[in-house]
Every structure is written in structure tokens, then in C-alpha cells.
N, C-alpha and C. Protein backbone atom coordinates (compact mmCIF):
# COMPACT_ATOMS: atom_id res chain seq x y z
N PHE A 1 94.39 83.57 143.94
CA PHE A 1 92.97 83.47 144.13
C PHE A 1 92.35 84.86 144.07
N PHE A 2 91.28 85.00 143.33
CA PHE A 2 90.58 86.27 143.22
C PHE A 2 89.22 86.18 143.90
N TYR A 3 88.90 87.21 144.64
CA TYR A 3 87.54 87.30 145.17
C TYR A 3 86.65 87.78 144.03
N PRO A 4 85.68 87.04 143.61
CA PRO A 4 84.89 87.39 142.43
C PRO A 4 84.06 88.65 142.60
N ASP A 5 83.83 89.10 143.82
CA ASP A 5 83.01 90.29 144.01
C ASP A 5 83.83 91.54 144.32
N TYR A 6 85.16 91.46 144.10
CA TYR A 6 86.02 92.60 144.38
C TYR A 6 85.69 93.75 143.44
N SER A 7 85.66 94.97 143.97
CA SER A 7 85.47 96.19 143.17
C SER A 7 86.57 97.16 143.53
N PHE A 8 87.27 97.64 142.51
CA PHE A 8 88.31 98.64 142.74
C PHE A 8 87.66 99.90 143.31
N PRO A 9 88.19 100.45 144.39
CA PRO A 9 87.56 101.61 145.02
C PRO A 9 87.46 102.81 144.08
N GLY A 10 86.44 103.60 144.25
CA GLY A 10 86.26 104.81 143.46
C GLY A 10 85.09 104.69 142.51
N PRO A 11 85.21 105.32 141.35
CA PRO A 11 84.09 105.33 140.39
C PRO A 11 83.65 103.94 139.94
N ILE A 12 84.60 103.00 139.86
CA ILE A 12 84.24 101.65 139.43
C ILE A 12 83.33 101.00 140.46
N ALA A 13 83.71 101.09 141.72
CA ALA A 13 82.88 100.51 142.79
C ALA A 13 81.55 101.24 142.89
N GLN A 14 81.58 102.56 142.74
CA GLN A 14 80.35 103.34 142.81
C GLN A 14 79.37 102.97 141.71
N ALA A 15 79.91 102.53 140.58
CA ALA A 15 79.05 102.12 139.46
C ALA A 15 78.53 100.70 139.65
N GLY A 16 78.96 100.03 140.73
CA GLY A 16 78.49 98.67 140.99
C GLY A 16 79.18 97.61 140.17
N LEU A 17 80.34 97.92 139.61
CA LEU A 17 81.07 96.97 138.77
C LEU A 17 82.05 96.17 139.61
N THR A 18 82.23 94.92 139.25
CA THR A 18 83.24 94.09 139.91
C THR A 18 84.46 94.01 139.02
N THR A 19 85.63 94.03 139.65
CA THR A 19 86.88 94.01 138.90
C THR A 19 87.90 93.14 139.63
N PRO A 20 87.70 91.83 139.62
CA PRO A 20 88.61 90.96 140.36
C PRO A 20 90.06 91.05 139.88
N GLU A 21 90.28 91.38 138.60
CA GLU A 21 91.65 91.46 138.08
C GLU A 21 92.44 92.58 138.73
N PHE A 22 91.77 93.57 139.30
CA PHE A 22 92.47 94.68 139.93
C PHE A 22 93.03 94.32 141.30
N GLN A 23 92.81 93.11 141.77
CA GLN A 23 93.41 92.69 143.03
C GLN A 23 94.92 92.54 142.89
N LEU A 24 95.40 92.40 141.66
CA LEU A 24 96.84 92.24 141.41
C LEU A 24 97.54 93.55 141.07
N THR A 25 96.81 94.61 140.90
CA THR A 25 97.42 95.84 140.44
C THR A 25 97.66 96.81 141.58
N ASN A 26 98.70 97.61 141.38
CA ASN A 26 98.97 98.74 142.25
C ASN A 26 99.71 99.78 141.41
N ASP A 27 100.04 100.91 141.99
CA ASP A 27 100.70 101.97 141.22
C ASP A 27 101.99 101.49 140.58
N THR A 28 102.78 100.74 141.33
CA THR A 28 104.07 100.29 140.82
C THR A 28 103.91 99.28 139.69
N SER A 29 103.05 98.29 139.85
CA SER A 29 102.90 97.28 138.80
C SER A 29 102.32 97.89 137.53
N THR A 30 101.44 98.86 137.67
CA THR A 30 100.87 99.52 136.49
C THR A 30 101.94 100.29 135.73
N MET A 31 102.78 101.03 136.44
CA MET A 31 103.85 101.79 135.78
C MET A 31 104.91 100.86 135.19
N ASN A 32 105.23 99.78 135.89
CA ASN A 32 106.19 98.82 135.35
C ASN A 32 105.68 98.21 134.04
N LEU A 33 104.41 97.87 133.99
CA LEU A 33 103.83 97.32 132.77
C LEU A 33 103.89 98.35 131.65
N THR A 34 103.53 99.58 131.95
CA THR A 34 103.57 100.65 130.95
C THR A 34 104.98 100.85 130.42
N ASN A 35 105.96 100.87 131.28
CA ASN A 35 107.35 101.04 130.85
C ASN A 35 107.83 99.86 130.03
N PHE A 36 107.45 98.65 130.40
CA PHE A 36 107.84 97.45 129.66
C PHE A 36 107.26 97.48 128.25
N ILE A 37 106.00 97.82 128.14
CA ILE A 37 105.36 97.89 126.83
C ILE A 37 105.99 98.98 125.98
N THR A 38 106.30 100.11 126.60
CA THR A 38 106.95 101.21 125.88
C THR A 38 108.27 100.75 125.29
N GLN A 39 109.05 99.99 126.05
CA GLN A 39 110.33 99.50 125.54
C GLN A 39 110.15 98.63 124.30
N GLY A 40 109.14 97.79 124.30
CA GLY A 40 108.92 96.90 123.17
C GLY A 40 108.44 97.61 121.93
N VAL A 41 107.65 98.66 122.11
CA VAL A 41 107.08 99.35 120.95
C VAL A 41 108.00 100.46 120.45
N LEU A 42 108.63 101.18 121.34
CA LEU A 42 109.38 102.37 120.94
C LEU A 42 110.89 102.19 120.96
N ASN A 43 111.40 101.07 121.42
CA ASN A 43 112.82 100.90 121.59
C ASN A 43 113.58 100.76 120.27
N ALA A 44 113.02 100.09 119.31
CA ALA A 44 113.72 99.81 118.06
C ALA A 44 113.99 101.10 117.28
N SER A 45 115.19 101.21 116.76
CA SER A 45 115.55 102.40 115.99
C SER A 45 115.34 102.19 114.48
N ASN A 46 114.96 101.00 114.07
CA ASN A 46 114.78 100.75 112.65
C ASN A 46 113.53 101.46 112.13
N THR A 47 113.50 101.68 110.84
CA THR A 47 112.37 102.38 110.24
C THR A 47 111.47 101.46 109.43
N ASN A 48 111.69 100.14 109.48
CA ASN A 48 110.90 99.23 108.66
C ASN A 48 109.61 98.78 109.33
N GLY A 49 109.37 99.20 110.56
CA GLY A 49 108.13 98.86 111.22
C GLY A 49 108.19 97.69 112.18
N PHE A 50 109.32 96.96 112.20
CA PHE A 50 109.45 95.86 113.14
C PHE A 50 109.74 96.40 114.53
N THR A 51 109.08 95.84 115.51
CA THR A 51 109.36 96.22 116.89
C THR A 51 109.75 94.97 117.65
N SER A 52 110.59 95.16 118.67
CA SER A 52 111.07 94.02 119.43
C SER A 52 111.47 94.46 120.83
N PHE A 53 111.38 93.55 121.77
CA PHE A 53 111.85 93.82 123.12
C PHE A 53 113.34 93.56 123.24
N LYS A 54 113.95 93.00 122.21
CA LYS A 54 115.37 92.72 122.23
C LYS A 54 116.03 93.39 121.04
N THR A 55 117.18 93.98 121.29
CA THR A 55 117.93 94.60 120.20
C THR A 55 118.83 93.56 119.57
N GLY A 56 119.29 93.86 118.37
CA GLY A 56 120.21 92.96 117.70
C GLY A 56 119.58 91.69 117.17
N GLY A 57 118.39 91.78 116.61
CA GLY A 57 117.78 90.63 115.98
C GLY A 57 116.95 89.77 116.91
N GLY A 58 116.43 90.36 117.96
CA GLY A 58 115.58 89.61 118.88
C GLY A 58 114.26 89.24 118.23
N ALA A 59 113.45 88.57 118.97
CA ALA A 59 112.15 88.15 118.46
C ALA A 59 111.30 89.36 118.11
N ILE A 60 110.62 89.28 116.97
CA ILE A 60 109.76 90.38 116.54
C ILE A 60 108.44 90.28 117.27
N VAL A 61 108.05 91.35 117.91
CA VAL A 61 106.80 91.39 118.64
C VAL A 61 105.68 91.81 117.70
N MET A 62 105.92 92.82 116.89
CA MET A 62 104.91 93.31 115.96
C MET A 62 105.57 93.77 114.68
N ASP A 63 104.84 93.63 113.59
CA ASP A 63 105.27 94.17 112.31
C ASP A 63 104.29 95.30 111.98
N LEU A 64 104.74 96.53 112.16
CA LEU A 64 103.89 97.68 111.89
C LEU A 64 104.02 98.16 110.44
N GLY A 65 104.87 97.50 109.67
CA GLY A 65 105.12 97.89 108.29
C GLY A 65 103.87 98.05 107.43
N PRO A 66 102.88 97.15 107.52
CA PRO A 66 101.70 97.30 106.68
C PRO A 66 100.90 98.58 106.94
N TYR A 67 101.10 99.18 108.11
CA TYR A 67 100.36 100.40 108.45
C TYR A 67 101.15 101.66 108.12
N MET A 68 102.41 101.49 107.75
CA MET A 68 103.29 102.63 107.50
C MET A 68 103.21 103.08 106.05
N THR A 69 102.05 103.58 105.66
CA THR A 69 101.88 104.14 104.33
C THR A 69 101.42 105.58 104.47
N ALA A 70 101.71 106.37 103.45
CA ALA A 70 101.29 107.77 103.48
C ALA A 70 99.77 107.88 103.55
N ALA A 71 99.08 106.97 102.88
CA ALA A 71 97.62 107.01 102.87
C ALA A 71 97.04 106.75 104.25
N GLN A 72 97.68 105.87 105.05
CA GLN A 72 97.15 105.52 106.37
C GLN A 72 97.63 106.43 107.48
N THR A 73 98.74 107.14 107.26
CA THR A 73 99.30 107.98 108.32
C THR A 73 99.06 109.47 108.10
N ALA A 74 98.36 109.83 107.02
CA ALA A 74 98.02 111.24 106.80
C ALA A 74 97.05 111.70 107.89
N ASP A 75 97.05 113.00 108.15
CA ASP A 75 96.20 113.55 109.22
C ASP A 75 94.76 113.06 109.14
N ALA A 76 94.18 113.13 107.96
CA ALA A 76 92.77 112.77 107.79
C ALA A 76 92.53 111.26 107.98
N ALA A 77 93.57 110.45 107.80
CA ALA A 77 93.43 109.00 107.90
C ALA A 77 93.71 108.46 109.30
N ILE A 78 94.25 109.29 110.16
CA ILE A 78 94.63 108.83 111.51
C ILE A 78 93.44 108.23 112.27
N PRO A 79 92.25 108.86 112.29
CA PRO A 79 91.14 108.25 113.04
C PRO A 79 90.81 106.83 112.57
N ALA A 80 90.84 106.60 111.27
CA ALA A 80 90.55 105.25 110.75
C ALA A 80 91.65 104.27 111.17
N LEU A 81 92.90 104.73 111.17
CA LEU A 81 94.00 103.86 111.58
C LEU A 81 93.92 103.54 113.07
N VAL A 82 93.54 104.52 113.88
CA VAL A 82 93.36 104.28 115.31
C VAL A 82 92.26 103.24 115.52
N THR A 83 91.17 103.37 114.78
CA THR A 83 90.08 102.40 114.89
C THR A 83 90.53 101.01 114.47
N GLN A 84 91.24 100.92 113.35
CA GLN A 84 91.69 99.63 112.84
C GLN A 84 92.63 98.93 113.82
N ILE A 85 93.64 99.64 114.29
CA ILE A 85 94.60 99.05 115.22
C ILE A 85 93.92 98.81 116.57
N GLY A 86 93.06 99.72 116.98
CA GLY A 86 92.32 99.56 118.23
C GLY A 86 91.44 98.32 118.22
N ASP A 87 90.80 98.06 117.09
CA ASP A 87 89.98 96.85 116.97
C ASP A 87 90.82 95.59 117.13
N LEU A 88 92.02 95.60 116.56
CA LEU A 88 92.90 94.44 116.67
C LEU A 88 93.41 94.22 118.10
N LEU A 89 93.75 95.32 118.77
CA LEU A 89 94.39 95.20 120.08
C LEU A 89 93.41 95.15 121.25
N THR A 90 92.20 95.65 121.05
CA THR A 90 91.24 95.67 122.16
C THR A 90 89.97 94.91 121.84
N GLY A 91 89.93 94.25 120.73
CA GLY A 91 88.73 93.51 120.36
C GLY A 91 87.54 94.42 120.12
N GLY A 92 87.80 95.62 119.63
CA GLY A 92 86.72 96.56 119.34
C GLY A 92 86.20 97.33 120.55
N ASN A 93 86.93 97.29 121.66
CA ASN A 93 86.46 97.95 122.88
C ASN A 93 87.05 99.33 123.12
N LEU A 94 87.78 99.88 122.16
CA LEU A 94 88.36 101.21 122.33
C LEU A 94 87.24 102.25 122.28
N GLN A 95 87.10 103.00 123.35
CA GLN A 95 86.02 103.99 123.46
C GLN A 95 86.24 105.16 122.50
N ALA A 96 85.16 105.80 122.11
CA ALA A 96 85.21 106.94 121.18
C ALA A 96 86.10 108.06 121.72
N ALA A 97 85.99 108.34 123.01
CA ALA A 97 86.80 109.41 123.61
C ALA A 97 88.29 109.08 123.54
N THR A 98 88.62 107.81 123.75
CA THR A 98 90.02 107.38 123.67
C THR A 98 90.52 107.50 122.24
N LYS A 99 89.71 107.06 121.28
CA LYS A 99 90.08 107.17 119.87
C LYS A 99 90.34 108.62 119.49
N THR A 100 89.45 109.51 119.93
CA THR A 100 89.60 110.93 119.60
C THR A 100 90.86 111.51 120.22
N ALA A 101 91.13 111.18 121.48
CA ALA A 101 92.32 111.69 122.15
C ALA A 101 93.59 111.21 121.45
N ILE A 102 93.64 109.93 121.08
CA ILE A 102 94.81 109.39 120.39
C ILE A 102 94.95 110.03 119.02
N SER A 103 93.87 110.12 118.28
CA SER A 103 93.90 110.71 116.94
C SER A 103 94.40 112.15 116.98
N ASN A 104 93.86 112.94 117.90
CA ASN A 104 94.26 114.35 118.00
C ASN A 104 95.73 114.48 118.38
N TYR A 105 96.19 113.65 119.27
CA TYR A 105 97.58 113.72 119.71
C TYR A 105 98.53 113.33 118.58
N VAL A 106 98.22 112.24 117.89
CA VAL A 106 99.12 111.74 116.84
C VAL A 106 99.10 112.63 115.61
N ALA A 107 97.96 113.19 115.26
CA ALA A 107 97.87 114.04 114.07
C ALA A 107 98.45 115.44 114.29
N ASN A 108 98.80 115.78 115.51
CA ASN A 108 99.38 117.08 115.82
C ASN A 108 100.84 117.08 115.38
N THR A 109 101.17 117.91 114.41
CA THR A 109 102.53 117.91 113.86
C THR A 109 103.56 118.49 114.83
N THR A 110 103.12 119.10 115.89
CA THR A 110 104.06 119.52 116.94
C THR A 110 104.57 118.28 117.66
N ASN A 111 103.70 117.31 117.88
CA ASN A 111 104.09 116.07 118.54
C ASN A 111 104.84 115.14 117.59
N PHE A 112 104.36 115.06 116.35
CA PHE A 112 104.95 114.16 115.36
C PHE A 112 105.06 114.89 114.03
N PRO A 113 106.21 115.49 113.75
CA PRO A 113 106.39 116.19 112.47
C PRO A 113 106.04 115.27 111.31
N TYR A 114 105.38 115.84 110.30
CA TYR A 114 104.90 115.04 109.19
C TYR A 114 104.90 115.88 107.93
N THR A 115 105.54 115.38 106.88
CA THR A 115 105.59 116.06 105.60
C THR A 115 104.42 115.59 104.75
N THR A 116 103.39 116.41 104.65
CA THR A 116 102.20 116.04 103.90
C THR A 116 102.54 115.79 102.45
N GLY A 117 102.06 114.68 101.92
CA GLY A 117 102.30 114.33 100.53
C GLY A 117 103.48 113.41 100.33
N SER A 118 104.54 113.64 101.08
CA SER A 118 105.73 112.77 100.95
C SER A 118 106.41 112.61 102.30
N PRO A 119 105.72 111.96 103.24
CA PRO A 119 106.32 111.76 104.55
C PRO A 119 107.50 110.80 104.50
N THR A 120 108.42 110.97 105.41
CA THR A 120 109.54 110.03 105.48
C THR A 120 109.07 108.74 106.15
N THR A 121 109.85 107.71 105.97
CA THR A 121 109.53 106.43 106.61
C THR A 121 109.52 106.59 108.13
N THR A 122 110.44 107.38 108.65
CA THR A 122 110.52 107.61 110.08
C THR A 122 109.27 108.32 110.58
N GLN A 123 108.78 109.30 109.84
CA GLN A 123 107.57 110.02 110.24
C GLN A 123 106.36 109.07 110.28
N MET A 124 106.24 108.23 109.27
CA MET A 124 105.12 107.28 109.25
C MET A 124 105.26 106.28 110.39
N ARG A 125 106.47 105.76 110.59
CA ARG A 125 106.72 104.80 111.67
C ARG A 125 106.38 105.41 113.03
N ASP A 126 106.81 106.65 113.25
CA ASP A 126 106.57 107.28 114.55
C ASP A 126 105.08 107.45 114.84
N ARG A 127 104.31 107.78 113.83
CA ARG A 127 102.87 107.92 114.03
C ARG A 127 102.21 106.58 114.35
N VAL A 128 102.59 105.55 113.62
CA VAL A 128 102.00 104.23 113.87
C VAL A 128 102.42 103.71 115.24
N ARG A 129 103.69 103.86 115.58
CA ARG A 129 104.15 103.39 116.89
C ARG A 129 103.46 104.15 118.02
N ALA A 130 103.23 105.44 117.82
CA ALA A 130 102.53 106.22 118.85
C ALA A 130 101.11 105.70 119.04
N ILE A 131 100.44 105.41 117.95
CA ILE A 131 99.07 104.86 118.05
C ILE A 131 99.08 103.55 118.83
N VAL A 132 99.98 102.66 118.46
CA VAL A 132 100.05 101.36 119.14
C VAL A 132 100.38 101.56 120.62
N HIS A 133 101.35 102.39 120.90
CA HIS A 133 101.75 102.62 122.28
C HIS A 133 100.59 103.18 123.10
N LEU A 134 99.91 104.17 122.59
CA LEU A 134 98.81 104.79 123.34
C LEU A 134 97.65 103.81 123.55
N ILE A 135 97.42 102.95 122.59
CA ILE A 135 96.37 101.94 122.77
C ILE A 135 96.80 100.92 123.83
N LEU A 136 98.06 100.50 123.78
CA LEU A 136 98.54 99.49 124.72
C LEU A 136 98.54 99.97 126.17
N ILE A 137 98.61 101.28 126.38
CA ILE A 137 98.58 101.77 127.76
C ILE A 137 97.19 102.31 128.15
N SER A 138 96.21 102.08 127.29
CA SER A 138 94.85 102.55 127.58
C SER A 138 94.13 101.58 128.51
N PRO A 139 93.15 102.07 129.25
CA PRO A 139 92.34 101.17 130.09
C PRO A 139 91.61 100.10 129.28
N GLU A 140 91.24 100.44 128.05
CA GLU A 140 90.52 99.48 127.22
C GLU A 140 91.39 98.28 126.86
N TYR A 141 92.70 98.50 126.75
CA TYR A 141 93.61 97.39 126.49
C TYR A 141 93.85 96.59 127.77
N ALA A 142 93.99 97.29 128.88
CA ALA A 142 94.30 96.64 130.16
C ALA A 142 93.16 95.76 130.66
N ILE A 143 91.94 96.15 130.35
CA ILE A 143 90.78 95.41 130.85
C ILE A 143 90.11 94.69 129.70
N GLN A 144 90.14 93.37 129.75
CA GLN A 144 89.51 92.58 128.70
C GLN A 144 88.05 92.37 129.05
N LYS A 145 87.21 92.54 128.05
CA LYS A 145 85.76 92.32 128.26
C LYS A 145 85.35 91.07 127.54
């Protein structure tokens, strides 16, 4: 049972917003969810774009293969890819600041080495998986509007 007028303490409550779904969350459950999602997105060692929560032919959770192209994973294309995947996963609710933070992080070759012009499949996969992972652990994904 949720109290419909519940507001999570802090800036959310100060803004006058109600957040009944936060009655189920705490530090531990939030981190457990983040770790679980990370396992599903980043656990697979294959380079074809399939991700799964089970190794050895488990159920496919996502097929990232269509996004693993040099045209979509190049530095200049990362913002558009973040927007495209963000729209799918958050229903278009990914904030501009979140998009910028994800784009800057993923396009940084210190974080994700990338051979411009002829990236490896692993390099493209890692960039796409990072985008998906960062969106899945964002507040915009956690809170449905």
C-alpha cells in the first residue's frame, strides 16, 4: 500500500512533489537494483551486441547489435545515440544534463578507447553498453512519468 501524498525528503519534498514509489526504496535496494542491471548489460563477453542475465545461452535481454556501427558510435554521433536509446528506455524523459553527462563520458577515449574510422567491434559494443547502462541507472529511468 502506498500513501499517495508521500514525498521523499529533501529537494523533492521541498519542490512540493509527491513520490509514492519511493516508499519502497532505500540505499540498499537502490544499489542492489543498480548492480543487477549492471550484470545484465555488462556481463556478457560476446561482441555481437546481445546481452543477457544468464551466461551460456540464457535469455536475451537486449540486442544492441543495431546500434553497434561506426557511424553511430563515433564521437560526434554519441549525443544522437544517447538521445535515441534514451527515448526508447525512458519514453523521452532523459534530461538534457543527463544526456550531456553520458555523451561526454562515453565519447572520452580515456574511458572507452576508440579507433576513429575503423573501430573494433568491442570498442563499438563497449560504447553502446555504457550508454545503456548509464541510462538504466539514471533517475529518469527509475522514475516513470
